[in-house]
Amino acid sequence: MTITYRAEKGSPLTAREIDDNFRELETRLAAIADNPEGGESLGKIQVEGDQIHFRGTFGANFGTFTLPKASLNPRGPWLPQTPYKKLDVVTIQNAAENSLSCCIADHISNVWAQDSSFWKSLLSFPQPPPSTMALYEKASLPESELMGKLALLMEEKGPALIFFNGNNWQRLMQGENL
């Protein structure tokens, strides 16, 4: 039902029309009271490329924002007495570690032991084998060696990295005994 307006009717309202108007308003108010509709809230978050869009539950656009990007700056090996800025990335190679690290605060490097608090390790690598690694042919392999000892074995197909497991020599990658 609709509300009857005197101006639209062109004459005074009857008692019944006035009662019907009140009845209609009362019905509408009761429906609102029984089903309160909350205010618009966050309905959808959508990311497109470097943009994030926020939309309301009733379609309002709460805004579009550009997402920040980290701009890492590769600098090569870490060096002393070098100015570094946040997000510079270096390789660290020393007796204690072998890693890829990212600078977390601007500074001028000094000694790694003092500077390590300015860096966050991103990736650690195994230590490289010593440059004085023993080179053997299969016939010359010692029967016993320190457990974990690394060596190179010369074979027809090329050199293979081997280690002594405490009992036997094994190829490092395949794990097979020699």
Protein backbone atom coordinates (compact mmCIF):
# COMPACT_ATOMS: atom_id res chain seq x y z
CA MET A 1 0.00 0.00 0.00
CA THR A 2 1.11 3.53 -0.58
CA ILE A 3 0.57 6.65 1.45
CA THR A 4 -2.18 9.01 0.30
CA TYR A 5 -1.22 12.67 0.21
CA ARG A 6 -3.84 15.44 0.41
CA ALA A 7 -2.01 17.58 -2.20
CA GLU A 8 -2.02 14.69 -4.68
CA LYS A 9 -5.68 13.84 -3.92
CA GLY A 10 -6.75 17.46 -4.30
CA SER A 11 -9.13 17.30 -1.29
CA PRO A 12 -8.98 16.62 2.44
CA LEU A 13 -8.23 13.03 3.49
CA THR A 14 -10.99 10.92 4.92
CA ALA A 15 -10.65 9.36 8.35
CA ARG A 16 -10.08 5.98 6.69
CA GLU A 17 -7.26 7.41 4.46
CA ILE A 18 -5.58 8.97 7.50
CA ASP A 19 -5.84 5.66 9.39
CA ASP A 20 -4.46 3.77 6.35
CA ASN A 21 -1.53 6.20 6.17
CA PHE A 22 -0.72 5.61 9.86
CA ARG A 23 -1.16 1.85 9.41
CA GLU A 24 1.27 1.88 6.45
CA LEU A 25 3.87 3.89 8.40
CA GLU A 26 3.49 1.59 11.41
CA THR A 27 4.00 -1.48 9.19
CA ARG A 28 7.12 0.03 7.64
CA LEU A 29 8.57 0.98 11.08
CA ALA A 30 7.89 -2.53 12.42
CA ALA A 31 9.71 -4.05 9.43
CA ILE A 32 12.73 -1.83 10.10
CA ALA A 33 12.67 -2.66 13.82
CA ASP A 34 12.43 -6.41 13.09
CA ASN A 35 15.19 -6.31 10.44
CA PRO A 36 17.61 -3.53 11.33
CA GLU A 37 19.91 -2.93 8.43
CA GLY A 38 23.42 -2.15 9.64
CA GLY A 39 25.50 0.51 8.10
CA GLU A 40 27.68 -0.29 5.13
CA SER A 41 30.71 -2.32 6.03
CA LEU A 42 33.70 -3.69 4.19
CA GLY A 43 32.39 -6.17 1.66
CA LYS A 44 35.14 -6.95 -0.83
CA ILE A 45 38.90 -6.49 -1.07
CA GLN A 46 40.32 -6.98 -4.54
CA VAL A 47 43.95 -6.83 -5.68
CA GLU A 48 44.75 -6.01 -9.31
CA GLY A 49 48.43 -5.68 -10.12
CA ASP A 50 49.89 -3.19 -7.64
CA GLN A 51 46.45 -1.75 -6.72
CA ILE A 52 44.16 -2.83 -3.86
CA HIS A 53 40.45 -1.90 -4.02
CA PHE A 54 38.08 -1.73 -1.02
CA ARG A 55 34.34 -2.00 -1.71
CA GLY A 56 31.42 -1.79 0.73
CA THR A 57 28.65 -4.32 1.26
CA PHE A 58 26.23 -2.00 -0.60
CA GLY A 59 28.69 -1.14 -3.39
CA ALA A 60 30.35 1.99 -2.01
CA ASN A 61 33.95 2.52 -3.11
CA PHE A 62 36.04 2.96 0.05
CA GLY A 63 39.18 3.63 -1.97
CA THR A 64 41.93 2.29 -4.17
CA PHE A 65 45.50 2.30 -2.94
CA THR A 66 48.86 1.48 -4.49
CA LEU A 67 50.64 -1.39 -2.74
CA PRO A 68 54.26 -0.73 -1.74
CA LYS A 69 57.04 -2.72 -3.38
CA ALA A 70 60.39 -3.61 -1.92
CA SER A 71 63.16 -2.49 -4.25
CA LEU A 72 66.11 -4.72 -3.44
CA ASN A 73 69.48 -3.44 -4.60
CA PRO A 74 72.05 -6.19 -5.31
CA ARG A 75 75.53 -5.01 -4.28
CA GLY A 76 77.71 -8.13 -4.67
CA PRO A 77 80.03 -9.30 -1.87
CA TRP A 78 79.94 -7.48 1.49
CA LEU A 79 82.97 -5.20 1.91
CA PRO A 80 84.29 -3.25 4.90
CA GLN A 81 84.35 0.56 4.85
CA THR A 82 81.43 0.69 2.41
CA PRO A 83 78.23 2.73 2.76
CA TYR A 84 75.14 0.49 2.67
CA LYS A 85 71.48 1.50 2.54
CA LYS A 86 68.34 -0.30 3.65
CA LEU A 87 67.35 -3.03 1.11
CA ASP A 88 70.90 -3.46 -0.25
CA VAL A 89 71.56 -7.18 -0.78
CA VAL A 90 75.04 -8.69 -0.42
CA THR A 91 76.71 -12.06 -0.27
CA ILE A 92 78.54 -12.90 2.94
CA GLN A 93 81.40 -15.37 2.73
CA ASN A 94 83.51 -15.96 5.81
CA ALA A 95 84.44 -18.78 8.18
CA ALA A 96 81.21 -18.42 10.16
CA GLU A 97 78.67 -18.16 7.34
CA ASN A 98 78.00 -18.17 3.64
CA SER A 99 74.73 -16.33 2.91
CA LEU A 100 72.70 -13.83 0.97
CA SER A 101 71.74 -10.96 3.32
CA CYS A 102 69.60 -7.82 3.14
CA CYS A 103 70.53 -4.54 4.86
CA ILE A 104 67.90 -3.45 7.42
CA ALA A 105 69.42 -0.03 8.33
CA ASP A 106 71.66 2.50 6.59
CA HIS A 107 75.26 2.37 7.83
CA ILE A 108 78.92 2.34 6.81
CA SER A 109 80.37 -1.13 7.18
CA ASN A 110 83.28 -1.84 9.48
CA VAL A 111 83.99 -5.43 10.53
CA TRP A 112 81.37 -8.12 9.83
CA ALA A 113 81.27 -9.23 13.46
CA GLN A 114 80.16 -5.69 14.40
CA ASP A 115 77.98 -5.08 11.32
CA SER A 116 75.95 -8.29 11.39
CA SER A 117 73.17 -6.57 13.39
CA PHE A 118 72.50 -4.36 10.33
CA TRP A 119 71.74 -7.40 8.16
CA LYS A 120 68.99 -10.03 7.86
CA SER A 121 69.97 -13.35 6.31
CA LEU A 122 67.73 -14.21 3.34
CA LEU A 123 69.36 -17.49 2.33
CA SER A 124 72.20 -19.60 3.74
CA PHE A 125 74.50 -21.70 1.60
CA PRO A 126 76.73 -24.60 2.59
CA GLN A 127 80.34 -23.71 3.10
CA PRO A 128 82.42 -24.27 -0.03
CA PRO A 129 84.77 -27.26 0.11
CA PRO A 130 88.36 -26.46 1.05
CA SER A 131 90.67 -25.63 -1.83
CA THR A 132 93.12 -28.30 -0.65
CA MET A 133 90.70 -31.17 -1.32
CA ALA A 134 92.40 -34.50 -1.94
CA LEU A 135 92.24 -35.95 -5.44
CA TYR A 136 92.11 -39.74 -5.83
CA GLU A 137 91.73 -42.45 -8.40
CA LYS A 138 89.64 -45.44 -7.31
CA ALA A 139 92.76 -47.62 -6.83
CA SER A 140 94.40 -45.03 -4.58
CA LEU A 141 91.48 -44.39 -2.16
CA PRO A 142 92.64 -44.84 1.47
CA GLU A 143 90.80 -47.63 3.30
CA SER A 144 90.16 -45.41 6.31
CA GLU A 145 89.83 -41.66 6.81
CA LEU A 146 88.17 -39.16 9.15
CA MET A 147 84.38 -39.39 8.98
CA GLY A 148 83.00 -36.66 6.70
CA LYS A 149 86.26 -36.14 4.83
CA LEU A 150 85.56 -34.76 1.33
CA ALA A 151 87.63 -35.63 -1.72
CA LEU A 152 87.47 -35.68 -5.50
CA LEU A 153 87.51 -39.00 -7.33
CA MET A 154 88.81 -38.94 -10.89
CA GLU A 155 86.71 -41.22 -13.11
CA GLU A 156 86.41 -41.72 -16.87
CA LYS A 157 83.23 -39.60 -16.98
CA GLY A 158 84.89 -36.80 -14.97
CA PRO A 159 85.52 -35.91 -11.31
CA ALA A 160 83.00 -36.90 -8.61
CA LEU A 161 82.65 -35.41 -5.13
CA ILE A 162 83.02 -38.18 -2.54
CA PHE A 163 83.08 -38.40 1.27
CA PHE A 164 84.09 -40.96 3.89
CA ASN A 165 81.03 -42.06 5.94
CA GLY A 166 83.07 -43.70 8.71
CA ASN A 167 83.18 -47.09 6.95
CA ASN A 168 83.30 -46.48 3.19
CA TRP A 169 83.82 -43.79 0.59
CA GLN A 170 80.53 -42.67 -1.05
CA ARG A 171 79.61 -40.45 -3.95
CA LEU A 172 78.07 -37.37 -2.36
CA MET A 173 75.19 -36.90 -4.80
CA GLN A 174 74.23 -40.54 -5.44
CA GLY A 175 75.04 -41.89 -1.96
CA GLU A 176 76.41 -45.12 -3.41
CA ASN A 177 79.41 -46.90 -1.91
CA LEU A 178 82.61 -47.13 -3.95
